[in-house]
Protein backbone atom coordinates (compact mmCIF):
# COMPACT_ATOMS: atom_id res chain seq x y z
CA MET A 1 -4.99 22.66 -30.42
CA LYS A 2 -8.48 22.84 -31.87
CA LYS A 3 -8.70 21.48 -35.40
CA LEU A 4 -10.11 23.38 -38.36
CA ASN A 5 -13.37 22.00 -39.72
CA VAL A 6 -13.54 21.33 -43.44
CA GLY A 7 -16.54 20.92 -45.73
CA ILE A 8 -16.20 19.06 -49.03
CA ILE A 9 -18.07 20.09 -52.20
CA GLY A 10 -18.49 17.09 -54.48
CA TYR A 11 -18.14 13.52 -53.26
CA GLY A 12 -16.17 11.64 -55.92
CA TRP A 13 -12.74 10.22 -56.60
CA ALA A 14 -10.73 13.32 -55.69
CA ALA A 15 -12.87 13.96 -52.61
CA GLY A 16 -11.84 10.62 -51.12
CA ALA A 17 -8.15 11.53 -51.43
CA HIS A 18 -8.77 15.00 -49.98
CA ILE A 19 -10.67 13.63 -46.99
CA GLU A 20 -7.98 11.06 -46.20
CA ALA A 21 -5.18 13.63 -46.43
CA ILE A 22 -7.03 16.24 -44.36
CA ASN A 23 -7.94 13.83 -41.57
CA ARG A 24 -4.48 12.26 -41.48
CA GLY A 25 -2.67 15.59 -41.11
CA GLY A 26 -3.83 16.44 -37.60
CA LEU A 27 -4.54 20.16 -38.16
CA ALA A 28 -8.02 19.77 -39.61
CA GLN A 29 -10.89 17.35 -39.94
CA VAL A 30 -13.65 16.85 -42.49
CA THR A 31 -16.99 17.43 -40.78
CA ALA A 32 -19.34 17.95 -43.74
CA VAL A 33 -19.89 16.84 -47.32
CA TYR A 34 -22.13 18.39 -49.97
CA SER A 35 -23.21 16.20 -52.86
CA SER A 36 -25.95 16.30 -55.47
CA ARG A 37 -26.36 12.58 -54.77
CA LYS A 38 -28.24 11.24 -51.77
CA LEU A 39 -25.71 10.06 -49.22
CA ASN A 40 -26.11 8.27 -45.93
CA ALA A 41 -24.43 10.30 -43.16
CA ASP A 42 -23.77 7.22 -41.01
CA GLU A 43 -22.10 5.38 -43.89
CA VAL A 44 -19.97 8.39 -44.84
CA SER A 45 -18.97 8.93 -41.20
CA GLN A 46 -18.05 5.30 -40.71
CA LYS A 47 -16.03 5.23 -43.93
CA HIS A 48 -13.94 8.24 -42.94
CA GLY A 49 -13.67 7.61 -39.22
CA GLY A 50 -15.46 10.64 -37.81
CA SER A 51 -18.76 12.44 -37.59
CA VAL A 52 -19.56 13.82 -41.06
CA ALA A 53 -22.77 15.70 -41.80
CA VAL A 54 -24.22 15.24 -45.28
CA PHE A 55 -25.83 18.09 -47.22
CA ASN A 56 -27.81 18.21 -50.46
CA ASN A 57 -28.19 21.96 -50.11
CA LEU A 58 -24.96 23.87 -50.65
CA LYS A 59 -26.21 27.09 -49.05
CA ALA A 60 -27.01 25.18 -45.88
CA MET A 61 -23.50 23.77 -45.60
CA LEU A 62 -21.85 27.12 -46.35
CA ALA A 63 -24.04 28.76 -43.70
CA ASP A 64 -22.59 26.51 -40.98
CA PRO A 65 -20.40 28.82 -38.81
CA ASN A 66 -18.44 25.83 -37.50
CA ILE A 67 -16.91 25.17 -40.93
CA GLN A 68 -13.82 27.27 -41.62
CA VAL A 69 -12.52 25.67 -44.84
CA ILE A 70 -14.17 24.41 -48.02
CA SER A 71 -12.53 21.92 -50.37
CA VAL A 72 -13.90 22.10 -53.92
CA THR A 73 -13.65 18.70 -55.62
CA SER A 74 -16.68 19.03 -57.88
CA TYR A 75 -16.60 18.71 -61.67
CA PRO A 76 -14.35 21.34 -63.32
CA TRP A 77 -17.27 23.18 -64.91
CA GLU A 78 -18.77 23.69 -61.44
CA HIS A 79 -15.65 25.14 -59.84
CA THR A 80 -16.36 28.79 -60.58
CA ARG A 81 -19.76 29.01 -58.89
CA HIS A 82 -18.69 26.77 -56.00
CA ILE A 83 -15.52 28.78 -55.27
CA ILE A 84 -17.34 32.10 -55.53
CA ALA A 85 -20.07 30.82 -53.19
CA ALA A 86 -17.51 29.56 -50.66
CA ALA A 87 -15.62 32.86 -50.77
CA ALA A 88 -18.84 34.85 -50.30
CA ALA A 89 -19.54 32.73 -47.22
CA GLY A 90 -16.15 33.72 -45.78
CA LYS A 91 -14.62 30.25 -46.01
CA HIS A 92 -10.98 29.52 -46.76
CA ILE A 93 -10.72 27.51 -49.97
CA ILE A 94 -8.98 24.45 -51.38
CA ALA A 95 -9.61 24.11 -55.12
CA GLU A 96 -8.86 21.11 -57.30
CA LYS A 97 -7.24 21.66 -60.66
CA PRO A 98 -8.05 22.97 -63.14
CA LEU A 99 -9.12 26.03 -61.19
CA VAL A 100 -11.49 27.13 -63.97
CA LEU A 101 -11.96 26.46 -67.69
CA SER A 102 -11.99 30.01 -69.08
CA LEU A 103 -10.18 33.31 -68.65
CA LYS A 104 -13.49 35.01 -67.81
CA ASP A 105 -14.06 32.58 -64.94
CA LEU A 106 -10.46 33.01 -63.80
CA ARG A 107 -11.06 36.73 -63.33
CA ALA A 108 -14.36 36.10 -61.54
CA VAL A 109 -12.73 33.72 -59.06
CA GLU A 110 -9.75 36.03 -58.57
CA ALA A 111 -12.06 38.95 -57.76
CA ALA A 112 -14.25 36.92 -55.40
CA VAL A 113 -11.35 35.53 -53.36
CA HIS A 114 -9.66 38.93 -53.12
CA LYS A 115 -12.91 40.56 -52.01
CA ALA A 116 -13.53 37.92 -49.33
CA LYS A 117 -9.91 38.12 -48.07
CA VAL A 118 -9.86 34.39 -47.43
CA ASN A 119 -6.91 32.05 -47.75
CA PHE A 120 -6.68 29.94 -50.90
CA CYS A 121 -4.93 26.76 -52.00
CA ILE A 122 -4.80 25.42 -55.57
CA CYS A 123 -4.14 21.69 -55.91
CA PHE A 124 -0.84 21.89 -57.73
CA GLU A 125 0.45 19.29 -55.32
CA ALA A 126 3.46 18.43 -57.49
CA ARG A 127 5.08 21.46 -55.84
CA PHE A 128 4.98 19.54 -52.54
CA SER A 129 6.20 16.23 -53.97
CA SER A 130 9.60 14.71 -53.25
CA HIS A 131 10.26 15.01 -56.99
CA PHE A 132 10.07 18.80 -57.04
CA LYS A 133 11.16 19.54 -53.48
CA VAL A 134 14.49 17.89 -54.28
CA THR A 135 14.65 19.45 -57.75
CA LYS A 136 13.98 22.92 -56.34
CA SER A 137 16.58 22.35 -53.64
CA VAL A 138 19.22 21.59 -56.28
CA ILE A 139 18.23 24.77 -58.14
CA ASP A 140 18.15 26.96 -55.02
CA ARG A 141 21.61 25.79 -53.98
CA GLY A 142 22.95 27.03 -57.29
CA LEU A 143 24.18 23.61 -58.41
CA LEU A 144 22.79 24.11 -61.92
CA GLY A 145 23.90 27.73 -62.17
CA LYS A 146 21.62 30.00 -64.20
CA ILE A 147 18.97 27.90 -65.94
CA HIS A 148 18.53 28.86 -69.58
CA TYR A 149 16.47 25.89 -70.79
CA GLY A 150 13.90 23.69 -69.12
CA GLU A 151 11.28 21.15 -70.06
CA VAL A 152 8.68 19.45 -67.92
CA ASP A 153 6.31 17.13 -69.76
CA TYR A 154 3.20 15.18 -68.83
CA TYR A 155 2.42 11.77 -70.37
CA HIS A 156 -0.67 9.96 -69.14
CA GLY A 157 -3.12 8.08 -71.33
CA ILE A 158 -6.64 8.98 -70.17
CA GLY A 159 -8.75 6.54 -72.16
CA PRO A 160 -11.93 4.48 -71.53
CA TRP A 161 -10.07 2.48 -68.87
CA TYR A 162 -9.66 5.57 -66.68
CA GLY A 163 -12.28 6.86 -64.23
CA GLN A 164 -12.58 10.46 -65.38
CA TYR A 165 -12.74 9.54 -69.08
CA ARG A 166 -16.55 9.69 -69.27
CA TRP A 167 -16.64 13.44 -68.63
CA ASN A 168 -13.04 14.28 -69.47
CA VAL A 169 -13.66 13.74 -73.19
CA THR A 170 -15.96 16.77 -73.38
CA LYS A 171 -14.76 20.31 -73.97
CA LYS A 172 -16.96 21.34 -71.04
CA GLY A 173 -15.33 18.76 -68.77
CA GLY A 174 -11.65 18.62 -69.75
CA GLY A 175 -11.12 21.86 -71.61
CA SER A 176 -7.74 21.08 -73.18
CA SER A 177 -4.81 18.73 -72.68
CA LEU A 178 -3.16 21.38 -70.52
CA LEU A 179 -6.22 22.18 -68.43
CA THR A 180 -7.28 18.61 -67.74
CA ALA A 181 -3.91 17.26 -66.61
CA GLY A 182 -0.88 18.85 -68.26
CA CYS A 183 -1.31 21.85 -65.98
CA HIS A 184 0.69 19.96 -63.34
CA ALA A 185 3.72 19.82 -65.64
CA LEU A 186 3.38 23.43 -66.82
CA ASP A 187 3.07 24.62 -63.23
CA ALA A 188 6.15 22.61 -62.22
CA LEU A 189 8.09 24.14 -65.12
CA LEU A 190 7.14 27.65 -63.98
CA LEU A 191 8.25 26.74 -60.45
CA CYS A 192 11.66 25.56 -61.70
CA MET A 193 12.37 28.39 -64.15
CA GLY A 194 11.80 31.18 -61.62
CA SER A 195 10.92 33.90 -64.12
CA GLU A 196 7.73 35.38 -65.52
CA VAL A 197 6.58 34.19 -68.94
CA GLU A 198 6.68 36.79 -71.69
CA GLU A 199 5.33 34.86 -74.68
CA VAL A 200 4.04 31.39 -75.55
CA THR A 201 3.66 29.43 -78.76
CA SER A 202 1.63 26.24 -78.68
CA TYR A 203 0.66 23.54 -81.17
CA ASP A 204 -1.74 20.64 -80.64
CA SER A 205 -2.59 17.30 -82.19
CA GLN A 206 -4.62 14.16 -81.49
CA SER A 207 -4.14 10.38 -81.65
CA ALA A 208 -5.84 8.47 -84.46
CA HIS A 209 -6.57 5.53 -82.14
CA SER A 210 -10.25 4.77 -81.55
CA ALA A 211 -9.82 4.98 -77.77
CA PHE A 212 -9.38 8.74 -78.03
CA GLN A 213 -11.84 9.63 -80.79
CA LYS A 214 -14.56 10.78 -78.39
CA TYR A 215 -12.43 13.69 -77.22
CA GLU A 216 -13.85 17.06 -78.24
CA TYR A 217 -10.45 18.77 -78.01
CA ALA A 218 -6.87 18.08 -79.07
CA THR A 219 -5.35 15.59 -76.64
CA SER A 220 -1.65 16.34 -77.24
CA SER A 221 -0.04 19.74 -77.14
CA VAL A 222 3.44 21.20 -76.99
CA THR A 223 4.01 24.69 -75.63
CA ILE A 224 7.18 26.75 -76.04
CA LEU A 225 7.67 29.47 -73.43
CA LYS A 226 9.83 32.56 -73.64
CA PHE A 227 10.71 33.92 -70.20
CA LYS A 228 11.45 37.52 -69.30
CA ASN A 229 14.96 36.63 -68.12
CA GLY A 230 15.86 35.25 -71.57
CA ALA A 231 15.37 31.56 -70.76
CA VAL A 232 13.17 29.26 -72.84
CA GLY A 233 11.10 26.25 -71.86
CA LYS A 234 8.92 23.50 -73.26
CA CYS A 235 5.91 21.64 -71.89
CA ALA A 236 4.27 18.69 -73.63
CA ALA A 237 0.83 17.67 -72.36
CA VAL A 238 -0.12 14.26 -73.75
CA VAL A 239 -3.22 12.44 -72.53
CA ASP A 240 -3.67 10.18 -75.57
CA CYS A 241 -0.63 7.92 -75.20
CA PHE A 242 -0.10 4.20 -74.53
CA GLN A 243 2.79 4.10 -72.06
CA PRO A 244 3.48 4.27 -68.33
CA TYR A 245 2.73 7.58 -66.59
CA TYR A 246 5.74 9.83 -67.05
CA PHE A 247 6.48 13.27 -65.59
CA HIS A 248 9.58 14.17 -67.60
CA THR A 249 11.89 16.82 -66.14
CA HIS A 250 15.01 18.21 -67.84
CA LEU A 251 16.70 21.43 -66.74
CA VAL A 252 19.88 22.88 -68.27
CA GLY A 253 21.93 25.58 -66.57
CA SER A 254 25.30 27.33 -66.77
CA GLU A 255 26.83 24.92 -64.22
CA GLY A 256 24.95 21.68 -64.73
CA SER A 257 21.85 19.77 -65.76
CA LEU A 258 19.10 17.75 -64.11
CA LEU A 259 17.22 14.89 -65.77
CA ASP A 260 14.40 13.38 -63.71
CA ASP A 261 16.22 11.92 -60.67
CA LYS A 262 19.74 12.40 -62.06
CA PHE A 263 21.97 15.47 -62.23
CA HIS A 264 25.45 16.76 -62.94
CA SER A 265 27.06 19.89 -61.48
CA ASN A 266 30.45 21.32 -62.39
CA LEU A 267 30.54 22.82 -58.89
CA LEU A 268 30.88 19.36 -57.35
CA GLY A 269 33.85 18.37 -59.50
CA ALA A 270 32.03 15.30 -60.82
CA ASN A 271 32.55 13.58 -64.17
CA LYS A 272 30.25 15.28 -66.69
CA ASN A 273 30.07 12.03 -68.67
CA GLN A 274 28.25 10.31 -65.84
CA TRP A 275 25.08 11.29 -64.00
CA SER A 276 24.91 11.50 -60.22
CA LYS A 277 21.78 10.01 -58.65
CA LEU A 278 19.33 12.01 -56.54
CA SER A 279 17.29 10.40 -53.80
CA MET A 280 13.66 11.28 -54.58
CA HIS A 281 10.30 9.72 -55.30
CA LEU A 282 9.38 10.68 -58.84
CA MET A 283 5.87 11.74 -59.79
CA ASP A 284 4.91 8.40 -61.31
CA SER A 285 1.14 8.04 -61.04
CA GLY A 286 -2.01 9.89 -62.02
CA ASP A 287 -3.91 8.29 -59.15
CA VAL A 288 -4.95 10.98 -56.68
CA SER A 289 -4.31 8.58 -53.81
CA ASP A 290 -0.59 8.81 -54.67
CA HIS A 291 -0.45 12.60 -54.72
CA PRO A 292 1.18 14.56 -51.84
CA TYR A 293 -2.03 16.30 -50.72
CA GLN A 294 -1.26 16.05 -47.02
CA ALA A 295 1.86 18.21 -47.19
CA GLU A 296 0.04 20.82 -49.26
CA PHE A 297 -3.09 20.90 -47.12
CA ASP A 298 -1.08 21.07 -43.90
CA ALA A 299 0.74 24.11 -45.34
CA LEU A 300 -2.64 25.79 -45.88
CA PHE A 301 -3.99 24.91 -42.44
CA GLU A 302 -0.83 26.13 -40.75
CA ALA A 303 -1.06 29.38 -42.71
CA ILE A 304 -4.68 29.86 -41.63
CA LEU A 305 -3.89 29.18 -37.99
CA LYS A 306 -0.94 31.59 -38.05
CA GLY A 307 -2.71 34.29 -40.06
CA ARG A 308 -0.41 34.00 -43.04
CA LYS A 309 -0.95 33.53 -46.76
CA MET A 310 -0.78 30.07 -48.28
CA PRO A 311 2.83 29.46 -49.39
CA LEU A 312 3.90 28.05 -52.76
CA ALA A 313 0.41 27.21 -54.11
CA GLY A 314 -1.78 30.20 -53.25
CA LEU A 315 -4.12 32.31 -55.36
CA SER A 316 -1.35 34.24 -57.14
CA ASP A 317 0.34 30.96 -58.14
CA ALA A 318 -2.96 29.58 -59.44
CA ILE A 319 -3.66 32.74 -61.44
CA ALA A 320 -0.15 32.90 -62.96
CA THR A 321 -0.17 29.29 -64.13
CA HIS A 322 -3.69 29.47 -65.56
CA GLU A 323 -2.87 32.67 -67.42
CA VAL A 324 -0.06 30.82 -69.21
CA ILE A 325 -2.40 27.88 -69.93
CA PHE A 326 -5.02 30.15 -71.48
CA ALA A 327 -2.33 31.92 -73.50
CA ALA A 328 -1.07 28.54 -74.75
CA ASP A 329 -4.54 27.33 -75.73
CA LEU A 330 -5.19 30.63 -77.50
CA SER A 331 -1.89 30.29 -79.36
CA ALA A 332 -2.81 26.79 -80.57
CA GLN A 333 -6.19 28.10 -81.70
CA ARG A 334 -4.73 31.08 -83.57
CA GLY A 335 -1.65 29.33 -84.89
CA LYS A 336 0.70 32.06 -83.72
CA PRO A 337 2.47 33.28 -80.55
CA VAL A 338 0.56 35.00 -77.75
CA ARG A 339 2.15 37.52 -75.42
CA LEU A 340 1.17 37.22 -71.77
CA LYS A 341 0.38 40.93 -71.50
CA GLU A 342 -2.60 40.26 -73.80
CA ILE A 343 -3.96 37.72 -71.32
CA ARG A 344 -3.20 39.79 -68.24
CA GLY A 345 -5.03 42.73 -69.73
CA LYS A 346 -8.30 40.81 -69.74
C-alpha cells in the first residue's frame, strides 16, 4: 500500500516526536519540512532515515501535490495562520495543542477546515494512551455505573529547566495554565464524563517562587464543571509546582470508583475497602517522546485512506474542549461562572 506523504510545519522539539511516530507507523512518511531556520536537507534526511525536502517558503511546500497531510508543530501563536493555509491548500491536518489561543482564532480555524472538507487531528494524545484507553474501557463496561463526579488534574512544573519555558512564560506563547498544558487533563475529563458542559467556574493563582515570576499569566488554575446530565467535575492545571509529573484521575459512579490505576466496582463483588489494580501505563511524563502519538496518527491515516472522519480526536473534539477552556479562562478573568452557550454563540 502506498504511504501518505506528510509535511511538517516547524522543526522543533514536538516535530521530532511527530516525525518519529509518523515514520514508525507504516501508513505514512515525512517527506518535507518547513522551517524559518536554514536547514540542511541531507542532514535532516539522514537524521530521520528517509528523503526529506527542506523548505523556507511555506507556500512552496503547501503547493507540492505529492504531500497529502500537514503536521503543524510551530509555535502556538502561529497555529491559526498555518492551519488555515494548510486547509486552503487542501491538505489533511495534524495540529499540536493548544489548537489556538483565542476564541476568535478557534472560529477561524473551524470555518477554514469545514470549508476545505479535509480530515483533522488535534494532538490530545492522552485519549490514545494506555491510561485512558483502560479507564474508558472500565467506564464503557458499566463497572462504575453512572458517573456523577470526576476529576482529572495536571501537575507539571514548567520552569527555567524545561525546554519550552523561554516562550511559554509569555501570554502570547502559553496563553493560560489550561491552554499551555492543562488542556490534556481537561480534555481527558470531558472524555470520561461523557456529557456536554453546561457551565464552568474557574479560579487561578500563581506561585511566589522566583522560578515562575516571569510568567505573564496565572500558572495554577482550578475549574469546576457542571455537566448537562447533572454530573460535576474538577480540573486543576498546575504548571508552577515542584513535584514529579502527575496526571491525577478520580472518577466516582453509582457502582464504583476509579483512582489512577486502581478501581473498585460493586458489580464484581469485591471488597470496597480495598482497591483492585488495573494494568495500565499511567501518563507520567511531559516529554513528547513519551506520548502515544503513533496510535493517534495511525488512526488519522487510516481514516484518510478509508474516507472516514478522524475518530476520537477530530475537529469537533478539538472545538468542544477549547470552548470549555476559553469559558474557564473567561470565568477566572470575570470572577464568576460562565455558561457554555455564551461561548458557543460567538
